[in-house]
Structures are given as structure tokens and as C-alpha cells.
Amino acid sequence: METVEIKKWIRDIPDFPEKGVIFRDITPLLKNPEVFKYSLNKIVELIKDWDFDCIVSPESRGFIFATPLAYIMDKEFVPIRKPGKLPYKTYSISYELEYGQTSLEMHADAIEKGEKVIVVDDVLATGGTTKAIKELIERAGGETVGVVCLAELTYLNPRENLKDLEIASLIRY
């Protein structure tokens, strides 16, 4: 299988969640174990030489890739959740999406001071979510060293928001 073939397993949903947005639906990819496993293995290849201790990821689709990557690479996993979903003390941040505003939270004790962290997500769009997560990590005393995703939406220029981070994406739109 070629990396380019992965795009065949990602469905485009026009005008979702609102008019003018093309939603990249990864559920067909997840339904095919061979393609999902291939995708995870290729992501591991992209980041195997990165120096990091911990993987963080926003819910919910990011978890689908981040938790097996943490397992495969023997790294910590820290979930970034929507408000009110974490039971302990949290750091919280609100930020703008390409189609609205939202908030995220992380347990206040999830990242140790000086810990090197990468962000894993399914799709990197504007970079706004990653930028917000980077701020949460810094509040906890950690250092965000990079972001890796299955698909990068280059037409939204996410790298402009994340100039100080290493960025790896398996496929690009």
C-alpha cells in the first residue's frame, strides 16, 4: 500500500459542520484494519526519531490515533478533554476554531515540569487546537516539541500558527 492510497479511505463531507467546511471523515479508514494499522505504522516512522516523553491528544478522534501510538512507542498518554469531563483539578483554555469557539481542559498534574510532549490528532486544520493545547502544556511546565497528524489541511495554513513546532503529517490536502 502507498501512503497516497490512504486518502481513498477518508470521506469528504461537504458543508459539515457548517456551510463552506469540508469535513474529512476518517470512519471508513477506521473500519479497515489493514489501512488503520498501516496508518499507525507510518505515523510511528514519521516520529520515531523525535525526543519526547509524552503524547497528548484532544478528544475524540485524536484519541483513536494517540493511544495506540503511546502503546506502540512506550510513551505516556494524556487526554485533552472538553470542559467538565475530567474529574480532577484542570487547566482550561478557550480558543477560536475555523467555525466557532470552544474550550479544552487538561488535568493540572498531567504533565511534569520539563517533560517533552507531542500533540497527536487526526486532522491538523488551522492549528488553533494545537496552539491552545501547547499553552495548556506550558502552563503545566512542559515543553511541546511537535505535532503529528494523519491529515494536514494545507489550504488552511496550519504551519503559520505553529512555526516553532516540528510538524509531521502522513497525508496532505
Protein backbone atom coordinates (compact mmCIF):
# COMPACT_ATOMS: atom_id res chain seq x y z
CA MET A 1 0.00 0.00 0.00
CA GLU A 2 1.18 3.53 -0.74
CA THR A 3 0.63 6.40 1.68
CA VAL A 4 -1.28 8.25 -1.04
CA GLU A 5 -3.86 5.44 -1.07
CA ILE A 6 -4.92 6.37 2.47
CA LYS A 7 -6.87 9.32 1.03
CA LYS A 8 -9.23 6.82 -0.62
CA TRP A 9 -10.30 5.80 2.88
CA ILE A 10 -11.12 9.32 4.07
CA ARG A 11 -14.57 10.53 3.07
CA ASP A 12 -15.24 14.20 2.26
CA ILE A 13 -18.45 15.57 3.77
CA PRO A 14 -19.23 19.00 2.28
CA ASP A 15 -20.90 21.69 4.39
CA PHE A 16 -20.35 19.89 7.72
CA PRO A 17 -20.48 21.01 10.49
CA GLU A 18 -21.47 24.20 8.67
CA LYS A 19 -21.71 25.55 5.14
CA GLY A 20 -18.36 26.01 3.42
CA VAL A 21 -16.47 23.44 5.54
CA ILE A 22 -15.33 20.12 4.07
CA PHE A 23 -15.24 17.59 6.90
CA ARG A 24 -12.61 14.85 6.49
CA ASP A 25 -14.35 11.73 7.83
CA ILE A 26 -11.89 9.06 8.97
CA THR A 27 -14.51 6.42 9.87
CA PRO A 28 -14.04 4.45 6.60
CA LEU A 29 -10.29 4.26 7.36
CA LEU A 30 -11.02 3.03 10.89
CA LYS A 31 -13.36 0.35 9.53
CA ASN A 32 -10.48 -1.19 7.56
CA PRO A 33 -8.00 -2.80 10.00
CA GLU A 34 -5.27 -3.09 7.36
CA VAL A 35 -5.42 0.61 6.43
CA PHE A 36 -5.68 1.72 10.07
CA LYS A 37 -2.68 -0.39 11.08
CA TYR A 38 -0.70 0.84 8.06
CA SER A 39 -1.53 4.45 9.00
CA LEU A 40 -0.37 3.97 12.60
CA ASN A 41 2.87 2.29 11.49
CA LYS A 42 3.61 5.11 9.03
CA ILE A 43 3.00 7.72 11.74
CA VAL A 44 5.43 5.88 14.01
CA GLU A 45 8.02 6.08 11.21
CA LEU A 46 7.47 9.85 10.95
CA ILE A 47 8.18 10.49 14.65
CA LYS A 48 10.45 7.63 15.73
CA ASP A 49 13.49 9.94 15.98
CA TRP A 50 11.71 12.72 17.90
CA ASP A 51 12.81 13.26 21.50
CA PHE A 52 9.65 13.22 23.66
CA ASP A 53 8.23 11.67 26.83
CA CYS A 54 4.51 12.09 26.46
CA ILE A 55 1.71 12.16 23.87
CA VAL A 56 -1.27 14.44 24.39
CA SER A 57 -4.36 14.47 22.23
CA PRO A 58 -7.70 16.23 22.04
CA GLU A 59 -10.91 14.24 22.15
CA SER A 60 -12.28 12.43 20.46
CA ARG A 61 -10.82 11.39 17.13
CA GLY A 62 -7.31 12.30 18.25
CA PHE A 63 -7.58 9.63 20.96
CA ILE A 64 -8.09 6.98 18.26
CA PHE A 65 -4.56 7.58 16.98
CA ALA A 66 -2.80 8.80 20.11
CA THR A 67 -3.49 5.89 22.45
CA PRO A 68 -2.19 3.14 20.15
CA LEU A 69 0.82 5.32 19.30
CA ALA A 70 1.57 5.77 23.01
CA TYR A 71 1.28 2.00 23.47
CA ILE A 72 3.46 1.13 20.45
CA MET A 73 6.12 3.73 21.35
CA ASP A 74 6.02 3.10 25.13
CA LYS A 75 5.09 6.72 25.94
CA GLU A 76 2.71 8.36 28.40
CA PHE A 77 -0.72 9.42 27.15
CA VAL A 78 -2.58 12.50 28.42
CA PRO A 79 -6.14 13.19 27.26
CA ILE A 80 -7.25 16.74 26.49
CA ARG A 81 -11.00 16.94 27.08
CA LYS A 82 -13.98 19.20 26.67
CA PRO A 83 -14.96 21.17 29.81
CA GLY A 84 -16.44 19.20 32.68
CA LYS A 85 -15.19 15.77 31.52
CA LEU A 86 -12.11 15.48 33.75
CA PRO A 87 -12.66 14.68 37.45
CA TYR A 88 -9.62 16.40 38.97
CA LYS A 89 -8.25 19.97 39.01
CA THR A 90 -7.70 21.25 35.49
CA TYR A 91 -6.10 23.91 33.36
CA SER A 92 -8.60 25.32 30.89
CA ILE A 93 -8.33 27.34 27.69
CA SER A 94 -10.85 28.85 25.28
CA TYR A 95 -9.91 29.47 21.65
CA GLU A 96 -11.30 30.09 18.17
CA LEU A 97 -11.98 27.30 15.69
CA GLU A 98 -12.33 27.80 11.96
CA TYR A 99 -16.11 27.76 12.55
CA GLY A 100 -16.68 28.92 16.13
CA GLN A 101 -15.26 28.97 19.64
CA THR A 102 -14.58 26.11 22.05
CA SER A 103 -12.70 25.20 25.24
CA LEU A 104 -10.39 22.40 26.31
CA GLU A 105 -9.12 21.14 29.65
CA MET A 106 -6.22 19.06 30.92
CA HIS A 107 -5.56 17.70 34.41
CA ALA A 108 -3.32 20.15 36.26
CA ASP A 109 -0.92 17.34 37.25
CA ALA A 110 -0.87 15.56 33.86
CA ILE A 111 2.43 16.98 32.63
CA GLU A 112 5.56 17.13 34.75
CA LYS A 113 7.83 20.16 34.71
CA GLY A 114 10.34 19.86 31.87
CA GLU A 115 8.53 16.98 30.19
CA LYS A 116 8.80 16.93 26.39
CA VAL A 117 5.40 16.48 24.76
CA ILE A 118 3.98 15.93 21.29
CA VAL A 119 0.41 16.54 20.18
CA VAL A 120 -1.32 13.83 18.13
CA ASP A 121 -4.55 14.45 16.22
CA ASP A 122 -6.41 13.01 13.27
CA VAL A 123 -6.56 16.24 11.25
CA LEU A 124 -4.48 19.41 11.50
CA ALA A 125 -6.67 22.24 10.19
CA THR A 126 -5.84 25.84 11.20
CA GLY A 127 -3.52 24.81 14.03
CA GLY A 128 -5.76 26.57 16.57
CA THR A 129 -6.44 23.47 18.66
CA THR A 130 -2.76 22.53 18.75
CA LYS A 131 -1.79 26.09 19.69
CA ALA A 132 -4.30 26.01 22.59
CA ILE A 133 -3.01 22.61 23.74
CA LYS A 134 0.56 23.93 23.59
CA GLU A 135 -0.48 26.69 26.00
CA LEU A 136 -2.00 24.14 28.41
CA ILE A 137 1.22 22.11 28.30
CA GLU A 138 3.31 25.21 29.03
CA ARG A 139 1.08 26.15 31.99
CA ALA A 140 1.86 22.74 33.45
CA GLY A 141 5.61 23.27 32.93
CA GLY A 142 6.01 21.02 29.89
CA GLU A 143 7.52 21.71 26.50
CA THR A 144 5.65 20.99 23.27
CA VAL A 145 8.18 19.74 20.74
CA GLY A 146 5.94 18.75 17.85
CA VAL A 147 2.63 17.77 16.37
CA VAL A 148 1.80 14.78 14.21
CA CYS A 149 -1.44 14.05 12.42
CA LEU A 150 -2.97 11.68 9.93
CA ALA A 151 -4.05 14.50 7.58
CA GLU A 152 -2.97 18.13 7.27
CA LEU A 153 -5.23 20.67 5.58
CA THR A 154 -2.51 22.78 3.98
CA TYR A 155 -5.04 25.16 2.41
CA LEU A 156 -5.85 26.41 5.94
CA ASN A 157 -2.15 27.20 6.58
CA PRO A 158 -1.77 25.50 9.99
CA ARG A 159 2.02 25.86 9.92
CA GLU A 160 1.63 29.64 10.15
CA ASN A 161 0.17 29.21 13.67
CA LEU A 162 2.76 26.62 14.70
CA LYS A 163 6.06 27.99 13.39
CA ASP A 164 8.02 26.94 16.47
CA LEU A 165 6.95 23.28 16.33
CA GLU A 166 8.10 20.24 14.39
CA ILE A 167 5.13 19.16 12.24
CA ALA A 168 4.62 15.79 10.58
CA SER A 169 1.57 14.67 8.65
CA LEU A 170 1.00 11.42 6.83
CA ILE A 171 -1.14 12.95 4.09
CA ARG A 172 -1.89 16.49 2.95
CA TYR A 173 -4.87 18.16 1.35
